Amino acid sequence: HNNTMTDAYQFSGVLNIHWFRNDLRLLDNLALCHTEQLASANGGILLPIIIFDNSRVYGSNVKSKLNSSLKCGPRRAHFILEAVADLRHNLERCGSGLIVK
């Protein structure tokens, strides 16, 4: 049985959530590997999520304490959005998906 994102909405067993915060890698992401192992061991589903914090990522005027520059300018925001799109695509290729909030 392939535990996919659509299964997560109808699943009544153990839901193993992996929250992508700063590390958007798949290949050498130790926390993600641990969550995958837990899901395999407990027969549950792995549910990858990412939650954007507007104060840290984009659309804010939050300044760095070091040099008073914006913590996230337009280029960085664009890079992050591309990285999340790439992450979602790679997860979908593995039969999963990504919840973005």
PDB file of N, CA and C in Angstrom:
ATOM      1  N   HIS A   1       0.845  -1.198   0.000  1.00  0.00           N
ATOM      2  CA  HIS A   1       0.000   0.000   0.000  1.00  0.00           C
ATOM      3  C   HIS A   1       0.873   1.238   0.000  1.00  0.00           C
ATOM      4  N   ASN A   2       0.597   2.138  -0.895  1.00  0.00           N
ATOM      5  CA  ASN A   2       1.383   3.367  -1.022  1.00  0.00           C
ATOM      6  C   ASN A   2       0.752   4.464  -0.174  1.00  0.00           C
ATOM      7  N   ASN A   3       1.441   4.910   0.870  1.00  0.00           N
ATOM      8  CA  ASN A   3       0.928   5.946   1.769  1.00  0.00           C
ATOM      9  C   ASN A   3       1.127   7.314   1.149  1.00  0.00           C
ATOM     10  N   THR A   4       0.111   7.829   0.495  1.00  0.00           N
ATOM     11  CA  THR A   4       0.205   9.101  -0.204  1.00  0.00           C
ATOM     12  C   THR A   4      -0.479  10.205   0.581  1.00  0.00           C
ATOM     13  N   MET A   5      -0.350  11.429   0.075  1.00  0.00           N
ATOM     14  CA  MET A   5      -0.968  12.588   0.733  1.00  0.00           C
ATOM     15  C   MET A   5      -2.479  12.437   0.834  1.00  0.00           C
ATOM     16  N   THR A   6      -3.129  11.930  -0.219  1.00  0.00           N
ATOM     17  CA  THR A   6      -4.586  11.812  -0.156  1.00  0.00           C
ATOM     18  C   THR A   6      -4.999  10.816   0.918  1.00  0.00           C
ATOM     19  N   ASP A   7      -4.174   9.802   1.155  1.00  0.00           N
ATOM     20  CA  ASP A   7      -4.467   8.851   2.224  1.00  0.00           C
ATOM     21  C   ASP A   7      -4.479   9.535   3.588  1.00  0.00           C
ATOM     22  N   ALA A   8      -3.658  10.544   3.767  1.00  0.00           N
ATOM     23  CA  ALA A   8      -3.516  11.200   5.073  1.00  0.00           C
ATOM     24  C   ALA A   8      -4.834  11.810   5.544  1.00  0.00           C
ATOM     25  N   TYR A   9      -5.668  12.257   4.618  1.00  0.00           N
ATOM     26  CA  TYR A   9      -6.922  12.890   5.007  1.00  0.00           C
ATOM     27  C   TYR A   9      -7.967  11.869   5.458  1.00  0.00           C
ATOM     28  N   GLN A  10      -7.796  10.612   5.073  1.00  0.00           N
ATOM     29  CA  GLN A  10      -8.759   9.575   5.423  1.00  0.00           C
ATOM     30  C   GLN A  10      -8.167   8.551   6.374  1.00  0.00           C
ATOM     31  N   PHE A  11      -6.961   8.748   6.814  1.00  0.00           N
ATOM     32  CA  PHE A  11      -6.216   7.774   7.607  1.00  0.00           C
ATOM     33  C   PHE A  11      -6.606   7.867   9.070  1.00  0.00           C
ATOM     34  N   SER A  12      -6.817   6.711   9.698  1.00  0.00           N
ATOM     35  CA  SER A  12      -7.201   6.720  11.113  1.00  0.00           C
ATOM     36  C   SER A  12      -6.094   6.170  12.012  1.00  0.00           C
ATOM     37  N   GLY A  13      -4.922   5.892  11.454  1.00  0.00           N
ATOM     38  CA  GLY A  13      -3.809   5.360  12.238  1.00  0.00           C
ATOM     39  C   GLY A  13      -2.870   6.467  12.692  1.00  0.00           C
ATOM     40  N   VAL A  14      -1.589   6.136  12.767  1.00  0.00           N
ATOM     41  CA  VAL A  14      -0.579   7.065  13.249  1.00  0.00           C
ATOM     42  C   VAL A  14      -0.152   8.002  12.116  1.00  0.00           C
ATOM     43  N   LEU A  15      -0.217   9.276  12.386  1.00  0.00           N
ATOM     44  CA  LEU A  15       0.197  10.295  11.423  1.00  0.00           C
ATOM     45  C   LEU A  15       1.546  10.838  11.876  1.00  0.00           C
ATOM     46  N   ASN A  16       2.571  10.635  11.063  1.00  0.00           N
ATOM     47  CA  ASN A  16       3.934  11.072  11.365  1.00  0.00           C
ATOM     48  C   ASN A  16       4.221  12.334  10.573  1.00  0.00           C
ATOM     49  N   ILE A  17       4.218  13.468  11.237  1.00  0.00           N
ATOM     50  CA  ILE A  17       4.393  14.758  10.558  1.00  0.00           C
ATOM     51  C   ILE A  17       5.858  15.140  10.539  1.00  0.00           C
ATOM     52  N   HIS A  18       6.334  15.495   9.349  1.00  0.00           N
ATOM     53  CA  HIS A  18       7.677  16.074   9.242  1.00  0.00           C
ATOM     54  C   HIS A  18       7.502  17.542   8.844  1.00  0.00           C
ATOM     55  N   TRP A  19       7.944  18.432   9.711  1.00  0.00           N
ATOM     56  CA  TRP A  19       7.817  19.871   9.491  1.00  0.00           C
ATOM     57  C   TRP A  19       9.134  20.379   8.908  1.00  0.00           C
ATOM     58  N   PHE A  20       9.101  20.738   7.626  1.00  0.00           N
ATOM     59  CA  PHE A  20      10.262  21.363   7.004  1.00  0.00           C
ATOM     60  C   PHE A  20      10.312  22.805   7.490  1.00  0.00           C
ATOM     61  N   ARG A  21      11.406  23.184   8.113  1.00  0.00           N
ATOM     62  CA  ARG A  21      11.549  24.549   8.606  1.00  0.00           C
ATOM     63  C   ARG A  21      12.660  25.254   7.849  1.00  0.00           C
ATOM     64  N   ASN A  22      13.896  24.927   8.136  1.00  0.00           N
ATOM     65  CA  ASN A  22      15.029  25.573   7.467  1.00  0.00           C
ATOM     66  C   ASN A  22      15.725  24.646   6.486  1.00  0.00           C
ATOM     67  N   ASP A  23      15.640  23.360   6.699  1.00  0.00           N
ATOM     68  CA  ASP A  23      16.330  22.377   5.877  1.00  0.00           C
ATOM     69  C   ASP A  23      15.345  21.778   4.880  1.00  0.00           C
ATOM     70  N   LEU A  24      15.437  22.190   3.618  1.00  0.00           N
ATOM     71  CA  LEU A  24      14.503  21.728   2.599  1.00  0.00           C
ATOM     72  C   LEU A  24      15.077  20.598   1.749  1.00  0.00           C
ATOM     73  N   ARG A  25      16.148  19.982   2.232  1.00  0.00           N
ATOM     74  CA  ARG A  25      16.773  18.892   1.475  1.00  0.00           C
ATOM     75  C   ARG A  25      16.039  17.581   1.731  1.00  0.00           C
ATOM     76  N   LEU A  26      16.121  16.669   0.759  1.00  0.00           N
ATOM     77  CA  LEU A  26      15.565  15.337   0.933  1.00  0.00           C
ATOM     78  C   LEU A  26      16.640  14.295   1.190  1.00  0.00           C
ATOM     79  N   LEU A  27      17.728  14.360   0.451  1.00  0.00           N
ATOM     80  CA  LEU A  27      18.706  13.269   0.438  1.00  0.00           C
ATOM     81  C   LEU A  27      19.433  13.059   1.754  1.00  0.00           C
ATOM     82  N   ASP A  28      19.878  14.099   2.398  1.00  0.00           N
ATOM     83  CA  ASP A  28      20.651  13.930   3.633  1.00  0.00           C
ATOM     84  C   ASP A  28      19.994  14.633   4.817  1.00  0.00           C
ATOM     85  N   ASN A  29      18.682  14.603   4.848  1.00  0.00           N
ATOM     86  CA  ASN A  29      17.912  15.235   5.913  1.00  0.00           C
ATOM     87  C   ASN A  29      17.658  14.191   7.016  1.00  0.00           C
ATOM     88  N   LEU A  30      18.443  14.263   8.086  1.00  0.00           N
ATOM     89  CA  LEU A  30      18.363  13.258   9.150  1.00  0.00           C
ATOM     90  C   LEU A  30      16.997  13.224   9.828  1.00  0.00           C
ATOM     91  N   ALA A  31      16.404  14.385  10.049  1.00  0.00           N
ATOM     92  CA  ALA A  31      15.089  14.428  10.697  1.00  0.00           C
ATOM     93  C   ALA A  31      14.027  13.766   9.820  1.00  0.00           C
ATOM     94  N   LEU A  32      14.088  14.007   8.523  1.00  0.00           N
ATOM     95  CA  LEU A  32      13.147  13.381   7.598  1.00  0.00           C
ATOM     96  C   LEU A  32      13.348  11.872   7.571  1.00  0.00           C
ATOM     97  N   CYS A  33      14.600  11.423   7.544  1.00  0.00           N
ATOM     98  CA  CYS A  33      14.893   9.978   7.572  1.00  0.00           C
ATOM     99  C   CYS A  33      14.325   9.341   8.833  1.00  0.00           C
ATOM    100  N   HIS A  34      14.468  10.028   9.956  1.00  0.00           N
ATOM    101  CA  HIS A  34      13.936   9.514  11.228  1.00  0.00           C
ATOM    102  C   HIS A  34      12.412   9.402  11.169  1.00  0.00           C
ATOM    103  N   THR A  35      11.756  10.414  10.631  1.00  0.00           N
ATOM    104  CA  THR A  35      10.295  10.392  10.527  1.00  0.00           C
ATOM    105  C   THR A  35       9.838   9.284   9.590  1.00  0.00           C
ATOM    106  N   GLU A  36      10.577   9.074   8.490  1.00  0.00           N
ATOM    107  CA  GLU A  36      10.250   7.969   7.575  1.00  0.00           C
ATOM    108  C   GLU A  36      10.377   6.618   8.278  1.00  0.00           C
ATOM    109  N   GLN A  37      11.418   6.455   9.080  1.00  0.00           N
ATOM    110  CA  GLN A  37      11.621   5.213   9.823  1.00  0.00           C
ATOM    111  C   GLN A  37      10.498   4.989  10.830  1.00  0.00           C
ATOM    112  N   LEU A  38      10.084   6.066  11.501  1.00  0.00           N
ATOM    113  CA  LEU A  38       8.961   5.954  12.441  1.00  0.00           C
ATOM    114  C   LEU A  38       7.688   5.515  11.723  1.00  0.00           C
ATOM    115  N   ALA A  39       7.426   6.124  10.566  1.00  0.00           N
ATOM    116  CA  ALA A  39       6.222   5.782   9.804  1.00  0.00           C
ATOM    117  C   ALA A  39       6.244   4.322   9.369  1.00  0.00           C
ATOM    118  N   SER A  40       7.408   3.833   8.967  1.00  0.00           N
ATOM    119  CA  SER A  40       7.531   2.424   8.578  1.00  0.00           C
ATOM    120  C   SER A  40       7.323   1.506   9.772  1.00  0.00           C
ATOM    121  N   ALA A  41       7.904   1.880  10.905  1.00  0.00           N
ATOM    122  CA  ALA A  41       7.831   1.037  12.105  1.00  0.00           C
ATOM    123  C   ALA A  41       6.425   0.974  12.690  1.00  0.00           C
ATOM    124  N   ASN A  42       5.701   2.100  12.651  1.00  0.00           N
ATOM    125  CA  ASN A  42       4.380   2.113  13.281  1.00  0.00           C
ATOM    126  C   ASN A  42       3.237   1.948  12.282  1.00  0.00           C
ATOM    127  N   GLY A  43       3.586   1.682  11.025  1.00  0.00           N
ATOM    128  CA  GLY A  43       2.551   1.467  10.014  1.00  0.00           C
ATOM    129  C   GLY A  43       1.771   2.716   9.685  1.00  0.00           C
ATOM    130  N   GLY A  44       2.351   3.853  10.000  1.00  0.00           N
ATOM    131  CA  GLY A  44       1.656   5.118   9.793  1.00  0.00           C
ATOM    132  C   GLY A  44       1.963   5.768   8.465  1.00  0.00           C
ATOM    133  N   ILE A  45       1.530   6.970   8.351  1.00  0.00           N
ATOM    134  CA  ILE A  45       1.725   7.784   7.151  1.00  0.00           C
ATOM    135  C   ILE A  45       2.677   8.919   7.477  1.00  0.00           C
ATOM    136  N   LEU A  46       3.550   9.215   6.535  1.00  0.00           N
ATOM    137  CA  LEU A  46       4.437  10.376   6.631  1.00  0.00           C
ATOM    138  C   LEU A  46       3.740  11.550   5.962  1.00  0.00           C
ATOM    139  N   LEU A  47       3.566  12.630   6.704  1.00  0.00           N
ATOM    140  CA  LEU A  47       2.909  13.825   6.180  1.00  0.00           C
ATOM    141  C   LEU A  47       3.883  14.993   6.229  1.00  0.00           C
ATOM    142  N   PRO A  48       4.507  15.345   5.086  1.00  0.00           N
ATOM    143  CA  PRO A  48       5.433  16.473   5.052  1.00  0.00           C
ATOM    144  C   PRO A  48       4.672  17.805   4.984  1.00  0.00           C
ATOM    145  N   ILE A  49       5.098  18.761   5.810  1.00  0.00           N
ATOM    146  CA  ILE A  49       4.468  20.091   5.804  1.00  0.00           C
ATOM    147  C   ILE A  49       5.547  21.169   5.854  1.00  0.00           C
ATOM    148  N   ILE A  50       5.175  22.346   5.403  1.00  0.00           N
ATOM    149  CA  ILE A  50       5.999  23.539   5.589  1.00  0.00           C
ATOM    150  C   ILE A  50       5.034  24.676   5.912  1.00  0.00           C
ATOM    151  N   ILE A  51       5.398  25.478   6.886  1.00  0.00           N
ATOM    152  CA  ILE A  51       4.572  26.614   7.302  1.00  0.00           C
ATOM    153  C   ILE A  51       5.424  27.864   7.172  1.00  0.00           C
ATOM    154  N   PHE A  52       4.975  28.786   6.339  1.00  0.00           N
ATOM    155  CA  PHE A  52       5.710  30.037   6.167  1.00  0.00           C
ATOM    156  C   PHE A  52       5.423  30.974   7.328  1.00  0.00           C
ATOM    157  N   ASP A  53       6.468  31.465   7.915  1.00  0.00           N
ATOM    158  CA  ASP A  53       6.376  32.476   8.957  1.00  0.00           C
ATOM    159  C   ASP A  53       6.672  33.812   8.292  1.00  0.00           C
ATOM    160  N   ASN A  54       5.641  34.604   8.059  1.00  0.00           N
ATOM    161  CA  ASN A  54       5.821  35.864   7.335  1.00  0.00           C
ATOM    162  C   ASN A  54       6.860  36.782   7.950  1.00  0.00           C
ATOM    163  N   SER A  55       7.039  36.681   9.243  1.00  0.00           N
ATOM    164  CA  SER A  55       8.011  37.569   9.875  1.00  0.00           C
ATOM    165  C   SER A  55       9.450  37.148   9.577  1.00  0.00           C
ATOM    166  N   ARG A  56       9.649  35.920   9.111  1.00  0.00           N
ATOM    167  CA  ARG A  56      11.002  35.448   8.817  1.00  0.00           C
ATOM    168  C   ARG A  56      11.277  35.319   7.328  1.00  0.00           C
ATOM    169  N   VAL A  57      10.263  35.191   6.520  1.00  0.00           N
ATOM    170  CA  VAL A  57      10.494  34.820   5.133  1.00  0.00           C
ATOM    171  C   VAL A  57      10.243  35.949   4.153  1.00  0.00           C
ATOM    172  N   TYR A  58       9.050  36.431   4.065  1.00  0.00           N
ATOM    173  CA  TYR A  58       8.747  37.414   3.027  1.00  0.00           C
ATOM    174  C   TYR A  58       7.602  38.315   3.481  1.00  0.00           C
ATOM    175  N   GLY A  59       7.439  39.396   2.785  1.00  0.00           N
ATOM    176  CA  GLY A  59       6.320  40.278   3.048  1.00  0.00           C
ATOM    177  C   GLY A  59       6.386  41.018   4.368  1.00  0.00           C
ATOM    178  N   SER A  60       7.574  41.138   4.920  1.00  0.00           N
ATOM    179  CA  SER A  60       7.673  41.842   6.193  1.00  0.00           C
ATOM    180  C   SER A  60       8.801  42.862   6.122  1.00  0.00           C
ATOM    181  N   ASN A  61       8.832  43.714   7.094  1.00  0.00           N
ATOM    182  CA  ASN A  61       9.892  44.708   7.184  1.00  0.00           C
ATOM    183  C   ASN A  61      10.824  44.406   8.351  1.00  0.00           C
ATOM    184  N   VAL A  62      10.934  43.127   8.706  1.00  0.00           N
ATOM    185  CA  VAL A  62      11.795  42.725   9.811  1.00  0.00           C
ATOM    186  C   VAL A  62      13.247  42.951   9.407  1.00  0.00           C
ATOM    187  N   LYS A  63      13.975  43.634  10.254  1.00  0.00           N
ATOM    188  CA  LYS A  63      15.369  43.986   9.963  1.00  0.00           C
ATOM    189  C   LYS A  63      16.329  43.108  10.754  1.00  0.00           C
ATOM    190  N   SER A  64      17.483  42.875  10.177  1.00  0.00           N
ATOM    191  CA  SER A  64      18.550  42.140  10.845  1.00  0.00           C
ATOM    192  C   SER A  64      19.113  42.982  11.978  1.00  0.00           C
ATOM    193  N   LYS A  65      19.477  42.333  13.072  1.00  0.00           N
ATOM    194  CA  LYS A  65      20.082  43.052  14.199  1.00  0.00           C
ATOM    195  C   LYS A  65      21.527  43.442  13.903  1.00  0.00           C
ATOM    196  N   LEU A  66      22.148  42.756  12.962  1.00  0.00           N
ATOM    197  CA  LEU A  66      23.557  43.021  12.660  1.00  0.00           C
ATOM    198  C   LEU A  66      23.768  44.298  11.855  1.00  0.00           C
ATOM    199  N   ASN A  67      22.990  44.447  10.771  1.00  0.00           N
ATOM    200  CA  ASN A  67      23.252  45.596   9.907  1.00  0.00           C
ATOM    201  C   ASN A  67      21.989  46.330   9.444  1.00  0.00           C
ATOM    202  N   SER A  68      20.885  46.073  10.069  1.00  0.00           N
ATOM    203  CA  SER A  68      19.613  46.749   9.787  1.00  0.00           C
ATOM    204  C   SER A  68      19.092  46.523   8.368  1.00  0.00           C
ATOM    205  N   SER A  69      19.601  45.517   7.668  1.00  0.00           N
ATOM    206  CA  SER A  69      19.048  45.196   6.354  1.00  0.00           C
ATOM    207  C   SER A  69      17.839  44.281   6.528  1.00  0.00           C
ATOM    208  N   LEU A  70      17.016  44.197   5.487  1.00  0.00           N
ATOM    209  CA  LEU A  70      15.854  43.314   5.536  1.00  0.00           C
ATOM    210  C   LEU A  70      16.306  41.876   5.723  1.00  0.00           C
ATOM    211  N   LYS A  71      15.605  41.145   6.589  1.00  0.00           N
ATOM    212  CA  LYS A  71      15.951  39.735   6.789  1.00  0.00           C
ATOM    213  C   LYS A  71      15.688  38.922   5.535  1.00  0.00           C
ATOM    214  N   CYS A  72      14.713  39.325   4.768  1.00  0.00           N
ATOM    215  CA  CYS A  72      14.391  38.586   3.553  1.00  0.00           C
ATOM    216  C   CYS A  72      13.959  39.552   2.464  1.00  0.00           C
ATOM    217  N   GLY A  73      14.869  39.812   1.555  1.00  0.00           N
ATOM    218  CA  GLY A  73      14.559  40.669   0.428  1.00  0.00           C
ATOM    219  C   GLY A  73      13.885  39.884  -0.685  1.00  0.00           C
ATOM    220  N   PRO A  74      13.566  40.563  -1.782  1.00  0.00           N
ATOM    221  CA  PRO A  74      12.852  39.913  -2.889  1.00  0.00           C
ATOM    222  C   PRO A  74      13.607  38.733  -3.496  1.00  0.00           C
ATOM    223  N   ARG A  75      14.919  38.827  -3.612  1.00  0.00           N
ATOM    224  CA  ARG A  75      15.685  37.719  -4.203  1.00  0.00           C
ATOM    225  C   ARG A  75      15.633  36.478  -3.320  1.00  0.00           C
ATOM    226  N   ARG A  76      15.804  36.683  -2.034  1.00  0.00           N
ATOM    227  CA  ARG A  76      15.751  35.538  -1.114  1.00  0.00           C
ATOM    228  C   ARG A  76      14.351  34.941  -1.087  1.00  0.00           C
ATOM    229  N   ALA A  77      13.329  35.780  -1.084  1.00  0.00           N
ATOM    230  CA  ALA A  77      11.951  35.273  -1.096  1.00  0.00           C
ATOM    231  C   ALA A  77      11.707  34.434  -2.349  1.00  0.00           C
ATOM    232  N   HIS A  78      12.193  34.908  -3.489  1.00  0.00           N
ATOM    233  CA  HIS A  78      12.047  34.165  -4.743  1.00  0.00           C
ATOM    234  C   HIS A  78      12.776  32.819  -4.659  1.00  0.00           C
ATOM    235  N   PHE A  79      13.988  32.833  -4.116  1.00  0.00           N
ATOM    236  CA  PHE A  79      14.768  31.604  -3.951  1.00  0.00           C
ATOM    237  C   PHE A  79      14.023  30.604  -3.067  1.00  0.00           C
ATOM    238  N   ILE A  80      13.468  31.072  -1.960  1.00  0.00           N
ATOM    239  CA  ILE A  80      12.754  30.186  -1.034  1.00  0.00           C
ATOM    240  C   ILE A  80      11.522  29.583  -1.705  1.00  0.00           C
ATOM    241  N   LEU A  81      10.777  30.410  -2.435  1.00  0.00           N
ATOM    242  CA  LEU A  81       9.580  29.902  -3.122  1.00  0.00           C
ATOM    243  C   LEU A  81       9.950  28.859  -4.173  1.00  0.00           C
ATOM    244  N   GLU A  82      11.051  29.079  -4.892  1.00  0.00           N
ATOM    245  CA  GLU A  82      11.524  28.081  -5.870  1.00  0.00           C
ATOM    246  C   GLU A  82      11.959  26.797  -5.168  1.00  0.00           C
ATOM    247  N   ALA A  83      12.637  26.925  -4.030  1.00  0.00           N
ATOM    248  CA  ALA A  83      13.089  25.755  -3.284  1.00  0.00           C
ATOM    249  C   ALA A  83      11.900  24.927  -2.784  1.00  0.00           C
ATOM    250  N   VAL A  84      10.853  25.597  -2.336  1.00  0.00           N
ATOM    251  CA  VAL A  84       9.654  24.891  -1.859  1.00  0.00           C
ATOM    252  C   VAL A  84       8.953  24.196  -3.031  1.00  0.00           C
ATOM    253  N   ALA A  85       8.877  24.852  -4.171  1.00  0.00           N
ATOM    254  CA  ALA A  85       8.273  24.232  -5.361  1.00  0.00           C
ATOM    255  C   ALA A  85       9.069  22.992  -5.779  1.00  0.00           C
ATOM    256  N   ASP A  86      10.394  23.090  -5.724  1.00  0.00           N
ATOM    257  CA  ASP A  86      11.256  21.958  -6.058  1.00  0.00           C
ATOM    258  C   ASP A  86      11.066  20.818  -5.056  1.00  0.00           C
ATOM    259  N   LEU A  87      10.978  21.154  -3.782  1.00  0.00           N
ATOM    260  CA  LEU A  87      10.753  20.159  -2.738  1.00  0.00           C
ATOM    261  C   LEU A  87       9.432  19.430  -2.978  1.00  0.00           C
ATOM    262  N   ARG A  88       8.381  20.188  -3.259  1.00  0.00           N
ATOM    263  CA  ARG A  88       7.072  19.588  -3.523  1.00  0.00           C
ATOM    264  C   ARG A  88       7.141  18.639  -4.720  1.00  0.00           C
ATOM    265  N   HIS A  89       7.794  19.089  -5.784  1.00  0.00           N
ATOM    266  CA  HIS A  89       7.934  18.272  -6.988  1.00  0.00           C
ATOM    267  C   HIS A  89       8.667  16.963  -6.676  1.00  0.00           C
ATOM    268  N   ASN A  90       9.769  17.052  -5.939  1.00  0.00           N
ATOM    269  CA  ASN A  90      10.545  15.855  -5.599  1.00  0.00           C
ATOM    270  C   ASN A  90       9.768  14.909  -4.695  1.00  0.00           C
ATOM    271  N   LEU A  91       9.003  15.444  -3.758  1.00  0.00           N
ATOM    272  CA  LEU A  91       8.178  14.600  -2.899  1.00  0.00           C
ATOM    273  C   LEU A  91       7.077  13.907  -3.702  1.00  0.00           C
ATOM    274  N   GLU A  92       6.488  14.623  -4.653  1.00  0.00           N
ATOM    275  CA  GLU A  92       5.450  14.036  -5.498  1.00  0.00           C
ATOM    276  C   GLU A  92       6.019  12.911  -6.357  1.00  0.00           C
ATOM    277  N   ARG A  93       7.258  13.067  -6.818  1.00  0.00           N
ATOM    278  CA  ARG A  93       7.905  12.008  -7.595  1.00  0.00           C
ATOM    279  C   ARG A  93       8.104  10.749  -6.753  1.00  0.00           C
ATOM    280  N   CYS A  94       8.181  10.917  -5.422  1.00  0.00           N
ATOM    281  CA  CYS A  94       8.336   9.778  -4.507  1.00  0.00           C
ATOM    282  C   CYS A  94       6.984   9.230  -4.050  1.00  0.00           C
ATOM    283  N   GLY A  95       5.897   9.764  -4.592  1.00  0.00           N
ATOM    284  CA  GLY A  95       4.574   9.289  -4.215  1.00  0.00           C
ATOM    285  C   GLY A  95       3.987   9.986  -3.010  1.00  0.00           C
ATOM    286  N   SER A  96       4.548  11.109  -2.620  1.00  0.00           N
ATOM    287  CA  SER A  96       4.061  11.860  -1.475  1.00  0.00           C
ATOM    288  C   SER A  96       3.572  13.215  -1.955  1.00  0.00           C
ATOM    289  N   GLY A  97       3.776  14.225  -1.171  1.00  0.00           N
ATOM    290  CA  GLY A  97       3.393  15.581  -1.499  1.00  0.00           C
ATOM    291  C   GLY A  97       3.870  16.494  -0.394  1.00  0.00           C
ATOM    292  N   LEU A  98       3.388  17.706  -0.399  1.00  0.00           N
ATOM    293  CA  LEU A  98       3.796  18.676   0.605  1.00  0.00           C
ATOM    294  C   LEU A  98       2.637  19.593   0.908  1.00  0.00           C
ATOM    295  N   ILE A  99       2.295  19.707   2.169  1.00  0.00           N
ATOM    296  CA  ILE A  99       1.282  20.668   2.587  1.00  0.00           C
ATOM    297  C   ILE A  99       1.994  21.969   2.889  1.00  0.00           C
ATOM    298  N   VAL A 100       1.546  23.055   2.252  1.00  0.00           N
ATOM    299  CA  VAL A 100       2.158  24.377   2.422  1.00  0.00           C
ATOM    300  C   VAL A 100       1.118  25.296   3.030  1.00  0.00           C
ATOM    301  N   LYS A 101       1.475  25.877   4.168  1.00  0.00           N
ATOM    302  CA  LYS A 101       0.576  26.818   4.854  1.00  0.00           C
ATOM    303  C   LYS A 101       1.321  28.097   5.140  1.00  0.00           C
TER     304      LYS A 101
END
